[in-house]
Amino acid sequence: CALIMAWYHPELYHRVLSFSGTFVNQQWPYNPATPRGC
């Protein structure tokens, strides 16, 4: 979530700390723009 917020809103967030990031396919509901989630 921290990375996604910075990714889509770099005008607000510039620094990201990620511990055990869930950069896997866990999205729900399905979004065709990102079919494999994170």
Full PDB file with SEQRES, HELIX, SHEET, SSBOND, CRYST1, ORIGX, SCALE, CONECT and MASTER records, all heavy atoms in Angstrom:
SEQRES   1 A   38  CYS ALA LEU ILE MET ALA TRP TYR HIS PRO GLU LEU TYR          
SEQRES   2 A   38  HIS ARG VAL LEU SER PHE SER GLY THR PHE VAL ASN GLN          
SEQRES   3 A   38  GLN TRP PRO TYR ASN PRO ALA THR PRO ARG GLY CYS              
HELIX    1 AA1 ALA A    2  TYR A    8  1                                   7    
CRYST1    1.000    1.000    1.000  90.00  90.00  90.00 P 1           1          
ORIGX1      1.000000  0.000000  0.000000        0.00000                         
ORIGX2      0.000000  1.000000  0.000000        0.00000                         
ORIGX3      0.000000  0.000000  1.000000        0.00000                         
SCALE1      1.000000  0.000000  0.000000        0.00000                         
SCALE2      0.000000  1.000000  0.000000        0.00000                         
SCALE3      0.000000  0.000000  1.000000        0.00000                         
ATOM      1  N   CYS A   1       0.835  -1.204   0.000  1.00  0.00           N  
ATOM      2  CA  CYS A   1       0.000   0.000   0.000  1.00  0.00           C  
ATOM      3  C   CYS A   1       0.873   1.258   0.000  1.00  0.00           C  
ATOM      4  O   CYS A   1       0.599   2.215  -0.723  1.00  0.00           O  
ATOM      5  CB  CYS A   1      -0.923  -0.016   1.203  1.00  0.00           C  
ATOM      6  SG  CYS A   1      -2.163   1.273   1.177  1.00  0.00           S  
ATOM      7  N   ALA A   2       1.935   1.254   0.792  1.00  0.00           N  
ATOM      8  CA  ALA A   2       2.839   2.413   0.833  1.00  0.00           C  
ATOM      9  C   ALA A   2       3.463   2.662  -0.541  1.00  0.00           C  
ATOM     10  O   ALA A   2       3.526   3.804  -1.009  1.00  0.00           O  
ATOM     11  CB  ALA A   2       3.931   2.194   1.887  1.00  0.00           C  
ATOM     12  N   LEU A   3       3.915   1.594  -1.199  1.00  0.00           N  
ATOM     13  CA  LEU A   3       4.501   1.763  -2.529  1.00  0.00           C  
ATOM     14  C   LEU A   3       3.449   2.214  -3.534  1.00  0.00           C  
ATOM     15  O   LEU A   3       3.704   3.094  -4.359  1.00  0.00           O  
ATOM     16  CB  LEU A   3       5.175   0.471  -2.994  1.00  0.00           C  
ATOM     17  CG  LEU A   3       5.815   0.539  -4.386  1.00  0.00           C  
ATOM     18  CD1 LEU A   3       6.873   1.646  -4.462  1.00  0.00           C  
ATOM     19  CD2 LEU A   3       6.427  -0.801  -4.751  1.00  0.00           C  
ATOM     20  N   ILE A   4       2.264   1.641  -3.467  1.00  0.00           N  
ATOM     21  CA  ILE A   4       1.206   2.010  -4.407  1.00  0.00           C  
ATOM     22  C   ILE A   4       0.808   3.480  -4.223  1.00  0.00           C  
ATOM     23  O   ILE A   4       0.610   4.198  -5.211  1.00  0.00           O  
ATOM     24  CB  ILE A   4      -0.006   1.068  -4.253  1.00  0.00           C  
ATOM     25  CG1 ILE A   4       0.372  -0.314  -4.797  1.00  0.00           C  
ATOM     26  CG2 ILE A   4      -1.237   1.617  -4.960  1.00  0.00           C  
ATOM     27  CD1 ILE A   4      -0.587  -1.419  -4.409  1.00  0.00           C  
ATOM     28  N   MET A   5       0.689   3.936  -2.994  1.00  0.00           N  
ATOM     29  CA  MET A   5       0.348   5.346  -2.762  1.00  0.00           C  
ATOM     30  C   MET A   5       1.410   6.261  -3.348  1.00  0.00           C  
ATOM     31  O   MET A   5       1.096   7.268  -3.998  1.00  0.00           O  
ATOM     32  CB  MET A   5       0.164   5.616  -1.264  1.00  0.00           C  
ATOM     33  CG  MET A   5      -1.082   4.998  -0.680  1.00  0.00           C  
ATOM     34  SD  MET A   5      -2.617   5.548  -1.478  1.00  0.00           S  
ATOM     35  CE  MET A   5      -2.638   7.261  -1.027  1.00  0.00           C  
ATOM     36  N   ALA A   6       2.689   5.923  -3.127  1.00  0.00           N  
ATOM     37  CA  ALA A   6       3.771   6.741  -3.687  1.00  0.00           C  
ATOM     38  C   ALA A   6       3.779   6.643  -5.209  1.00  0.00           C  
ATOM     39  O   ALA A   6       4.031   7.639  -5.899  1.00  0.00           O  
ATOM     40  CB  ALA A   6       5.112   6.295  -3.110  1.00  0.00           C  
ATOM     41  N   TRP A   7       3.503   5.454  -5.740  1.00  0.00           N  
ATOM     42  CA  TRP A   7       3.513   5.259  -7.188  1.00  0.00           C  
ATOM     43  C   TRP A   7       2.448   6.113  -7.876  1.00  0.00           C  
ATOM     44  O   TRP A   7       2.707   6.792  -8.857  1.00  0.00           O  
ATOM     45  CB  TRP A   7       3.290   3.782  -7.505  1.00  0.00           C  
ATOM     46  CG  TRP A   7       3.402   3.518  -8.963  1.00  0.00           C  
ATOM     47  CD1 TRP A   7       2.380   3.373  -9.865  1.00  0.00           C  
ATOM     48  CD2 TRP A   7       4.610   3.404  -9.715  1.00  0.00           C  
ATOM     49  NE1 TRP A   7       2.888   3.170 -11.118  1.00  0.00           N  
ATOM     50  CE2 TRP A   7       4.249   3.184 -11.056  1.00  0.00           C  
ATOM     51  CE3 TRP A   7       5.965   3.463  -9.366  1.00  0.00           C  
ATOM     52  CZ2 TRP A   7       5.200   3.028 -12.057  1.00  0.00           C  
ATOM     53  CZ3 TRP A   7       6.904   3.296 -10.369  1.00  0.00           C  
ATOM     54  CH2 TRP A   7       6.512   3.083 -11.696  1.00  0.00           C  
ATOM     55  N   TYR A   8       1.234   6.070  -7.346  1.00  0.00           N  
ATOM     56  CA  TYR A   8       0.137   6.787  -7.984  1.00  0.00           C  
ATOM     57  C   TYR A   8       0.004   8.238  -7.525  1.00  0.00           C  
ATOM     58  O   TYR A   8      -0.704   9.012  -8.169  1.00  0.00           O  
ATOM     59  CB  TYR A   8      -1.181   6.036  -7.778  1.00  0.00           C  
ATOM     60  CG  TYR A   8      -1.256   4.782  -8.607  1.00  0.00           C  
ATOM     61  CD1 TYR A   8      -1.152   3.530  -8.019  1.00  0.00           C  
ATOM     62  CD2 TYR A   8      -1.394   4.845  -9.987  1.00  0.00           C  
ATOM     63  CE1 TYR A   8      -1.201   2.373  -8.784  1.00  0.00           C  
ATOM     64  CE2 TYR A   8      -1.441   3.695 -10.761  1.00  0.00           C  
ATOM     65  CZ  TYR A   8      -1.346   2.462 -10.153  1.00  0.00           C  
ATOM     66  OH  TYR A   8      -1.388   1.311 -10.914  1.00  0.00           O  
ATOM     67  N   HIS A   9       0.691   8.601  -6.445  1.00  0.00           N  
ATOM     68  CA  HIS A   9       0.626   9.984  -5.949  1.00  0.00           C  
ATOM     69  C   HIS A   9       2.017  10.487  -5.548  1.00  0.00           C  
ATOM     70  O   HIS A   9       2.238  10.884  -4.401  1.00  0.00           O  
ATOM     71  CB  HIS A   9      -0.342  10.091  -4.769  1.00  0.00           C  
ATOM     72  CG  HIS A   9      -1.752   9.825  -5.156  1.00  0.00           C  
ATOM     73  ND1 HIS A   9      -2.518  10.745  -5.844  1.00  0.00           N  
ATOM     74  CD2 HIS A   9      -2.519   8.721  -5.003  1.00  0.00           C  
ATOM     75  CE1 HIS A   9      -3.705  10.224  -6.082  1.00  0.00           C  
ATOM     76  NE2 HIS A   9      -3.728   8.998  -5.581  1.00  0.00           N  
ATOM     77  N   PRO A  10       2.963  10.514  -6.498  1.00  0.00           N  
ATOM     78  CA  PRO A  10       4.312  10.983  -6.151  1.00  0.00           C  
ATOM     79  C   PRO A  10       4.347  12.467  -5.797  1.00  0.00           C  
ATOM     80  O   PRO A  10       5.327  12.930  -5.221  1.00  0.00           O  
ATOM     81  CB  PRO A  10       5.131  10.678  -7.417  1.00  0.00           C  
ATOM     82  CG  PRO A  10       4.132  10.654  -8.521  1.00  0.00           C  
ATOM     83  CD  PRO A  10       2.857  10.121  -7.901  1.00  0.00           C  
ATOM     84  N   GLU A  11       3.277  13.195  -6.102  1.00  0.00           N  
ATOM     85  CA  GLU A  11       3.214  14.598  -5.689  1.00  0.00           C  
ATOM     86  C   GLU A  11       3.014  14.710  -4.176  1.00  0.00           C  
ATOM     87  O   GLU A  11       3.277  15.745  -3.580  1.00  0.00           O  
ATOM     88  CB  GLU A  11       2.098  15.339  -6.448  1.00  0.00           C  
ATOM     89  CG  GLU A  11       0.680  15.055  -5.982  1.00  0.00           C  
ATOM     90  CD  GLU A  11       0.082  13.720  -6.480  1.00  0.00           C  
ATOM     91  OE1 GLU A  11       0.779  12.920  -7.122  1.00  0.00           O  
ATOM     92  OE2 GLU A  11      -1.112  13.504  -6.210  1.00  0.00           O  
ATOM     93  N   LEU A  12       2.574  13.630  -3.529  1.00  0.00           N  
ATOM     94  CA  LEU A  12       2.343  13.622  -2.081  1.00  0.00           C  
ATOM     95  C   LEU A  12       3.359  12.779  -1.316  1.00  0.00           C  
ATOM     96  O   LEU A  12       3.691  13.092  -0.178  1.00  0.00           O  
ATOM     97  CB  LEU A  12       0.937  13.075  -1.780  1.00  0.00           C  
ATOM     98  CG  LEU A  12      -0.237  13.862  -2.354  1.00  0.00           C  
ATOM     99  CD1 LEU A  12      -1.538  13.112  -2.117  1.00  0.00           C  
ATOM    100  CD2 LEU A  12      -0.286  15.253  -1.763  1.00  0.00           C  
ATOM    101  N   TYR A  13       3.808  11.669  -1.909  1.00  0.00           N  
ATOM    102  CA  TYR A  13       4.671  10.715  -1.206  1.00  0.00           C  
ATOM    103  C   TYR A  13       5.935  10.461  -2.020  1.00  0.00           C  
ATOM    104  O   TYR A  13       5.852  10.165  -3.210  1.00  0.00           O  
ATOM    105  CB  TYR A  13       3.938   9.376  -0.994  1.00  0.00           C  
ATOM    106  CG  TYR A  13       2.590   9.534  -0.349  1.00  0.00           C  
ATOM    107  CD1 TYR A  13       1.422   9.460  -1.096  1.00  0.00           C  
ATOM    108  CD2 TYR A  13       2.494   9.748   1.020  1.00  0.00           C  
ATOM    109  CE1 TYR A  13       0.183   9.602  -0.508  1.00  0.00           C  
ATOM    110  CE2 TYR A  13       1.258   9.889   1.616  1.00  0.00           C  
ATOM    111  CZ  TYR A  13       0.102   9.820   0.851  1.00  0.00           C  
ATOM    112  OH  TYR A  13      -1.111   9.961   1.443  1.00  0.00           O  
ATOM    113  N   HIS A  14       7.086  10.561  -1.360  1.00  0.00           N  
ATOM    114  CA  HIS A  14       8.361  10.379  -2.063  1.00  0.00           C  
ATOM    115  C   HIS A  14       9.230   9.287  -1.447  1.00  0.00           C  
ATOM    116  O   HIS A  14      10.179   8.851  -2.070  1.00  0.00           O  
ATOM    117  CB  HIS A  14       9.179  11.677  -2.057  1.00  0.00           C  
ATOM    118  CG  HIS A  14       8.462  12.825  -2.674  1.00  0.00           C  
ATOM    119  ND1 HIS A  14       8.358  12.991  -4.034  1.00  0.00           N  
ATOM    120  CD2 HIS A  14       7.801  13.861  -2.115  1.00  0.00           C  
ATOM    121  CE1 HIS A  14       7.677  14.089  -4.280  1.00  0.00           C  
ATOM    122  NE2 HIS A  14       7.320  14.629  -3.139  1.00  0.00           N  
ATOM    123  N   ARG A  15       8.930   8.895  -0.229  1.00  0.00           N  
ATOM    124  CA  ARG A  15       9.768   7.933   0.482  1.00  0.00           C  
ATOM    125  C   ARG A  15       8.920   6.746   0.914  1.00  0.00           C  
ATOM    126  O   ARG A  15       7.815   6.922   1.419  1.00  0.00           O  
ATOM    127  CB  ARG A  15      10.413   8.590   1.695  1.00  0.00           C  
ATOM    128  CG  ARG A  15      11.484   9.579   1.289  1.00  0.00           C  
ATOM    129  CD  ARG A  15      11.690  10.665   2.336  1.00  0.00           C  
ATOM    130  NE  ARG A  15      12.789  11.530   1.992  1.00  0.00           N  
ATOM    131  CZ  ARG A  15      12.779  12.449   1.040  1.00  0.00           C  
ATOM    132  NH1 ARG A  15      11.720  12.596   0.291  1.00  0.00           N  
ATOM    133  NH2 ARG A  15      13.820  13.211   0.815  1.00  0.00           N  
ATOM    134  N   VAL A  16       9.478   5.543   0.707  1.00  0.00           N  
ATOM    135  CA  VAL A  16       8.729   4.324   1.004  1.00  0.00           C  
ATOM    136  C   VAL A  16       9.606   3.383   1.814  1.00  0.00           C  
ATOM    137  O   VAL A  16      10.752   3.130   1.444  1.00  0.00           O  
ATOM    138  CB  VAL A  16       8.292   3.606  -0.301  1.00  0.00           C  
ATOM    139  CG1 VAL A  16       7.593   2.294   0.011  1.00  0.00           C  
ATOM    140  CG2 VAL A  16       7.408   4.515  -1.148  1.00  0.00           C  
ATOM    141  N   LEU A  17       9.081   2.883   2.923  1.00  0.00           N  
ATOM    142  CA  LEU A  17       9.721   1.816   3.690  1.00  0.00           C  
ATOM    143  C   LEU A  17       8.823   0.599   3.600  1.00  0.00           C  
ATOM    144  O   LEU A  17       7.637   0.677   3.923  1.00  0.00           O  
ATOM    145  CB  LEU A  17       9.872   2.193   5.166  1.00  0.00           C  
ATOM    146  CG  LEU A  17      11.100   3.003   5.523  1.00  0.00           C  
ATOM    147  CD1 LEU A  17      10.880   4.456   5.221  1.00  0.00           C  
ATOM    148  CD2 LEU A  17      11.408   2.813   6.972  1.00  0.00           C  
ATOM    149  N   SER A  18       9.395  -0.521   3.163  1.00  0.00           N  
ATOM    150  CA  SER A  18       8.623  -1.732   2.939  1.00  0.00           C  
ATOM    151  C   SER A  18       9.260  -2.898   3.683  1.00  0.00           C  
ATOM    152  O   SER A  18      10.396  -3.264   3.410  1.00  0.00           O  
ATOM    153  CB  SER A  18       8.597  -2.031   1.432  1.00  0.00           C  
ATOM    154  OG  SER A  18       8.145  -3.335   1.192  1.00  0.00           O  
ATOM    155  N   PHE A  19       8.514  -3.480   4.607  1.00  0.00           N  
ATOM    156  CA  PHE A  19       8.936  -4.702   5.297  1.00  0.00           C  
ATOM    157  C   PHE A  19       8.035  -5.832   4.809  1.00  0.00           C  
ATOM    158  O   PHE A  19       6.810  -5.737   4.913  1.00  0.00           O  
ATOM    159  CB  PHE A  19       8.800  -4.557   6.814  1.00  0.00           C  
ATOM    160  CG  PHE A  19       9.791  -3.622   7.427  1.00  0.00           C  
ATOM    161  CD1 PHE A  19       9.465  -2.302   7.704  1.00  0.00           C  
ATOM    162  CD2 PHE A  19      11.072  -4.061   7.728  1.00  0.00           C  
ATOM    163  CE1 PHE A  19      10.376  -1.445   8.272  1.00  0.00           C  
ATOM    164  CE2 PHE A  19      12.007  -3.207   8.298  1.00  0.00           C  
ATOM    165  CZ  PHE A  19      11.659  -1.897   8.572  1.00  0.00           C  
ATOM    166  N   SER A  20       8.617  -6.899   4.271  1.00  0.00           N  
ATOM    167  CA  SER A  20       7.864  -8.071   3.803  1.00  0.00           C  
ATOM    168  C   SER A  20       6.721  -7.671   2.870  1.00  0.00           C  
ATOM    169  O   SER A  20       5.579  -8.107   3.027  1.00  0.00           O  
ATOM    170  CB  SER A  20       7.298  -8.866   4.984  1.00  0.00           C  
ATOM    171  OG  SER A  20       8.315  -9.372   5.792  1.00  0.00           O  
ATOM    172  N   GLY A  21       7.031  -6.836   1.894  1.00  0.00           N  
ATOM    173  CA  GLY A  21       6.012  -6.309   0.995  1.00  0.00           C  
ATOM    174  C   GLY A  21       5.213  -7.382   0.275  1.00  0.00           C  
ATOM    175  O   GLY A  21       5.765  -8.325  -0.268  1.00  0.00           O  
ATOM    176  N   THR A  22       3.896  -7.215   0.274  1.00  0.00           N  
ATOM    177  CA  THR A  22       2.998  -8.133  -0.414  1.00  0.00           C  
ATOM    178  C   THR A  22       2.878  -7.682  -1.868  1.00  0.00           C  
ATOM    179  O   THR A  22       1.848  -7.175  -2.290  1.00  0.00           O  
ATOM    180  CB  THR A  22       1.620  -8.159   0.280  1.00  0.00           C  
ATOM    181  OG1 THR A  22       1.810  -8.507   1.639  1.00  0.00           O  
ATOM    182  CG2 THR A  22       0.690  -9.190  -0.347  1.00  0.00           C  
ATOM    183  N   PHE A  23       3.956  -7.847  -2.621  1.00  0.00           N  
ATOM    184  CA  PHE A  23       3.969  -7.461  -4.028  1.00  0.00           C  
ATOM    185  C   PHE A  23       3.546  -8.646  -4.895  1.00  0.00           C  
ATOM    186  O   PHE A  23       4.176  -8.960  -5.894  1.00  0.00           O  
ATOM    187  CB  PHE A  23       5.357  -6.946  -4.420  1.00  0.00           C  
ATOM    188  CG  PHE A  23       5.821  -5.798  -3.565  1.00  0.00           C  
ATOM    189  CD1 PHE A  23       7.031  -5.858  -2.905  1.00  0.00           C  
ATOM    190  CD2 PHE A  23       5.035  -4.676  -3.411  1.00  0.00           C  
ATOM    191  CE1 PHE A  23       7.455  -4.812  -2.106  1.00  0.00           C  
ATOM    192  CE2 PHE A  23       5.440  -3.620  -2.622  1.00  0.00           C  
ATOM    193  CZ  PHE A  23       6.653  -3.693  -1.967  1.00  0.00           C  
ATOM    194  N   VAL A  24       2.489  -9.313  -4.460  1.00  0.00           N  
ATOM    195  CA  VAL A  24       1.971 -10.502  -5.130  1.00  0.00           C  
ATOM    196  C   VAL A  24       0.545 -10.221  -5.609  1.00  0.00           C  
ATOM    197  O   VAL A  24       0.030  -9.127  -5.425  1.00  0.00           O  
ATOM    198  CB  VAL A  24       2.014 -11.735  -4.194  1.00  0.00           C  
ATOM    199  CG1 VAL A  24       3.444 -12.060  -3.795  1.00  0.00           C  
ATOM    200  CG2 VAL A  24       1.147 -11.532  -2.968  1.00  0.00           C  
ATOM    201  N   ASN A  25      -0.093 -11.206  -6.180  1.00  0.00           N  
ATOM    202  CA  ASN A  25      -1.433 -11.042  -6.718  1.00  0.00           C  
ATOM    203  C   ASN A  25      -2.476 -11.303  -5.629  1.00  0.00           C  
ATOM    204  O   ASN A  25      -2.958 -12.410  -5.478  1.00  0.00           O  
ATOM    205  CB  ASN A  25      -1.651 -11.982  -7.903  1.00  0.00           C  
ATOM    206  CG  ASN A  25      -2.960 -11.704  -8.607  1.00  0.00           C  
ATOM    207  OD1 ASN A  25      -3.677 -10.774  -8.281  1.00  0.00           O  
ATOM    208  ND2 ASN A  25      -3.266 -12.524  -9.594  1.00  0.00           N  
ATOM    209  N   GLN A  26      -2.820 -10.265  -4.877  1.00  0.00           N  
ATOM    210  CA  GLN A  26      -3.801 -10.382  -3.796  1.00  0.00           C  
ATOM    211  C   GLN A  26      -4.982  -9.442  -3.999  1.00  0.00           C  
ATOM    212  O   GLN A  26      -5.723  -9.199  -3.070  1.00  0.00           O  
ATOM    213  CB  GLN A  26      -3.141 -10.041  -2.449  1.00  0.00           C  
ATOM    214  CG  GLN A  26      -2.026 -10.959  -2.028  1.00  0.00           C  
ATOM    215  CD  GLN A  26      -2.534 -12.280  -1.535  1.00  0.00           C  
ATOM    216  OE1 GLN A  26      -2.744 -13.191  -2.308  1.00  0.00           O  
ATOM    217  NE2 GLN A  26      -2.713 -12.407  -0.245  1.00  0.00           N  
ATOM    218  N   GLN A  27      -5.133  -8.858  -5.177  1.00  0.00           N  
ATOM    219  CA  GLN A  27      -6.162  -7.838  -5.359  1.00  0.00           C  
ATOM    220  C   GLN A  27      -7.575  -8.411  -5.306  1.00  0.00           C  
ATOM    221  O   GLN A  27      -7.823  -9.529  -5.730  1.00  0.00           O  
ATOM    222  CB  GLN A  27      -5.949  -7.109  -6.674  1.00  0.00           C  
ATOM    223  CG  GLN A  27      -6.304  -7.911  -7.901  1.00  0.00           C  
ATOM    224  CD  GLN A  27      -6.235  -7.080  -9.158  1.00  0.00           C  
ATOM    225  OE1 GLN A  27      -6.419  -5.871  -9.118  1.00  0.00           O  
ATOM    226  NE2 GLN A  27      -5.955  -7.726 -10.273  1.00  0.00           N  
ATOM    227  N   TRP A  28      -8.457  -7.631  -4.757  1.00  0.00           N  
ATOM    228  CA  TRP A  28      -9.887  -7.910  -4.794  1.00  0.00           C  
ATOM    229  C   TRP A  28     -10.608  -6.617  -4.519  1.00  0.00           C  
ATOM    230  O   TRP A  28     -10.271  -5.949  -3.550  1.00  0.00           O  
ATOM    231  CB  TRP A  28     -10.285  -8.974  -3.770  1.00  0.00           C  
ATOM    232  CG  TRP A  28     -11.727  -9.322  -3.916  1.00  0.00           C  
ATOM    233  CD1 TRP A  28     -12.757  -8.878  -3.128  1.00  0.00           C  
ATOM    234  CD2 TRP A  28     -12.309 -10.127  -4.932  1.00  0.00           C  
ATOM    235  NE1 TRP A  28     -13.935  -9.358  -3.584  1.00  0.00           N  
ATOM    236  CE2 TRP A  28     -13.693 -10.135  -4.704  1.00  0.00           C  
ATOM    237  CE3 TRP A  28     -11.811 -10.816  -6.023  1.00  0.00           C  
ATOM    238  CZ2 TRP A  28     -14.581 -10.813  -5.519  1.00  0.00           C  
ATOM    239  CZ3 TRP A  28     -12.686 -11.496  -6.824  1.00  0.00           C  
ATOM    240  CH2 TRP A  28     -14.062 -11.488  -6.563  1.00  0.00           C  
ATOM    241  N   PRO A  29     -11.519  -6.196  -5.335  1.00  0.00           N  
ATOM    242  CA  PRO A  29     -12.002  -6.884  -6.519  1.00  0.00           C  
ATOM    243  C   PRO A  29     -11.010  -6.790  -7.680  1.00  0.00           C  
ATOM    244  O   PRO A  29     -10.097  -5.969  -7.670  1.00  0.00           O  
ATOM    245  CB  PRO A  29     -13.301  -6.146  -6.853  1.00  0.00           C  
ATOM    246  CG  PRO A  29     -13.095  -4.769  -6.323  1.00  0.00           C  
ATOM    247  CD  PRO A  29     -12.224  -4.931  -5.105  1.00  0.00           C  
ATOM    248  N   TYR A  30     -11.217  -7.611  -8.662  1.00  0.00           N  
ATOM    249  CA  TYR A  30     -10.360  -7.680  -9.844  1.00  0.00           C  
ATOM    250  C   TYR A  30     -10.352  -6.346 -10.582  1.00  0.00           C  
ATOM    251  O   TYR A  30     -11.387  -5.710 -10.745  1.00  0.00           O  
ATOM    252  CB  TYR A  30     -10.866  -8.793 -10.767  1.00  0.00           C  
ATOM    253  CG  TYR A  30     -10.089  -8.903 -12.054  1.00  0.00           C  
ATOM    254  CD1 TYR A  30      -8.839  -9.504 -12.079  1.00  0.00           C  
ATOM    255  CD2 TYR A  30     -10.605  -8.393 -13.237  1.00  0.00           C  
ATOM    256  CE1 TYR A  30      -8.123  -9.608 -13.260  1.00  0.00           C  
ATOM    257  CE2 TYR A  30      -9.897  -8.499 -14.432  1.00  0.00           C  
ATOM    258  CZ  TYR A  30      -8.655  -9.102 -14.426  1.00  0.00           C  
ATOM    259  OH  TYR A  30      -7.943  -9.196 -15.590  1.00  0.00           O  
ATOM    260  N   ASN A  31      -9.166  -5.922 -11.010  1.00  0.00           N  
ATOM    261  CA  ASN A  31      -9.017  -4.696 -11.786  1.00  0.00           C  
ATOM    262  C   ASN A  31      -8.320  -5.059 -13.098  1.00  0.00           C  
ATOM    263  O   ASN A  31      -7.156  -5.474 -13.075  1.00  0.00           O  
ATOM    264  CB  ASN A  31      -8.198  -3.678 -10.996  1.00  0.00           C  
ATOM    265  CG  ASN A  31      -8.025  -2.373 -11.747  1.00  0.00           C  
ATOM    266  OD1 ASN A  31      -8.296  -2.270 -12.931  1.00  0.00           O  
ATOM    267  ND2 ASN A  31      -7.549  -1.366 -11.036  1.00  0.00           N  
ATOM    268  N   PRO A  32      -8.984  -4.906 -14.231  1.00  0.00           N  
ATOM    269  CA  PRO A  32      -8.363  -5.281 -15.502  1.00  0.00           C  
ATOM    270  C   PRO A  32      -7.116  -4.464 -15.839  1.00  0.00           C  
ATOM    271  O   PRO A  32      -6.281  -4.904 -16.620  1.00  0.00           O  
ATOM    272  CB  PRO A  32      -9.476  -5.068 -16.540  1.00  0.00           C  
ATOM    273  CG  PRO A  32     -10.493  -4.218 -15.883  1.00  0.00           C  
ATOM    274  CD  PRO A  32     -10.349  -4.407 -14.400  1.00  0.00           C  
ATOM    275  N   ALA A  33      -6.957  -3.285 -15.225  1.00  0.00           N  
ATOM    276  CA  ALA A  33      -5.752  -2.477 -15.471  1.00  0.00           C  
ATOM    277  C   ALA A  33      -4.516  -3.107 -14.833  1.00  0.00           C  
ATOM    278  O   ALA A  33      -3.387  -2.875 -15.281  1.00  0.00           O  
ATOM    279  CB  ALA A  33      -5.954  -1.060 -14.935  1.00  0.00           C  
ATOM    280  N   THR A  34      -4.718  -3.893 -13.776  1.00  0.00           N  
ATOM    281  CA  THR A  34      -3.621  -4.604 -13.101  1.00  0.00           C  
ATOM    282  C   THR A  34      -4.062  -6.040 -12.864  1.00  0.00           C  
ATOM    283  O   THR A  34      -4.354  -6.432 -11.732  1.00  0.00           O  
ATOM    284  CB  THR A  34      -3.256  -3.922 -11.764  1.00  0.00           C  
ATOM    285  OG1 THR A  34      -4.439  -3.811 -10.966  1.00  0.00           O  
ATOM    286  CG2 THR A  34      -2.643  -2.551 -11.976  1.00  0.00           C  
ATOM    287  N   PRO A  35      -4.115  -6.858 -13.906  1.00  0.00           N  
ATOM    288  CA  PRO A  35      -4.688  -8.197 -13.779  1.00  0.00           C  
ATOM    289  C   PRO A  35      -3.953  -9.127 -12.814  1.00  0.00           C  
ATOM    290  O   PRO A  35      -4.550 -10.078 -12.326  1.00  0.00           O  
ATOM    291  CB  PRO A  35      -4.627  -8.745 -15.212  1.00  0.00           C  
ATOM    292  CG  PRO A  35      -3.646  -7.908 -15.924  1.00  0.00           C  
ATOM    293  CD  PRO A  35      -3.664  -6.575 -15.248  1.00  0.00           C  
ATOM    294  N   ARG A  36      -2.694  -8.843 -12.496  1.00  0.00           N  
ATOM    295  CA  ARG A  36      -1.960  -9.693 -11.551  1.00  0.00           C  
ATOM    296  C   ARG A  36      -1.683  -8.948 -10.247  1.00  0.00           C  
ATOM    297  O   ARG A  36      -0.728  -9.222  -9.546  1.00  0.00           O  
ATOM    298  CB  ARG A  36      -0.669 -10.193 -12.180  1.00  0.00           C  
ATOM    299  CG  ARG A  36      -0.988 -11.055 -13.425  1.00  0.00           C  
ATOM    300  CD  ARG A  36       0.194 -11.712 -13.985  1.00  0.00           C  
ATOM    301  NE  ARG A  36       0.322 -13.016 -13.339  1.00  0.00           N  
ATOM    302  CZ  ARG A  36       1.410 -13.752 -13.409  1.00  0.00           C  
ATOM    303  NH1 ARG A  36       2.450 -13.345 -14.078  1.00  0.00           N  
ATOM    304  NH2 ARG A  36       1.465 -14.925 -12.805  1.00  0.00           N  
ATOM    305  N   GLY A  37      -2.534  -7.985  -9.916  1.00  0.00           N  
ATOM    306  CA  GLY A  37      -2.407  -7.265  -8.656  1.00  0.00           C  
ATOM    307  C   GLY A  37      -1.077  -6.538  -8.549  1.00  0.00           C  
ATOM    308  O   GLY A  37      -0.572  -5.973  -9.515  1.00  0.00           O  
ATOM    309  N   CYS A  38      -0.494  -6.570  -7.370  1.00  0.00           N  
ATOM    310  CA  CYS A  38       0.757  -5.861  -7.120  1.00  0.00           C  
ATOM    311  C   CYS A  38       1.950  -6.543  -7.792  1.00  0.00           C  
ATOM    312  O   CYS A  38       3.032  -5.979  -7.870  1.00  0.00           O  
ATOM    313  CB  CYS A  38       0.975  -5.710  -5.614  1.00  0.00           C  
ATOM    314  SG  CYS A  38       1.972  -4.276  -5.212  1.00  0.00           S  
TER     315      CYS A  38                                                      
MASTER        0    0    0    1    0    0    0    6  314    1    0    3          
END                                                                             
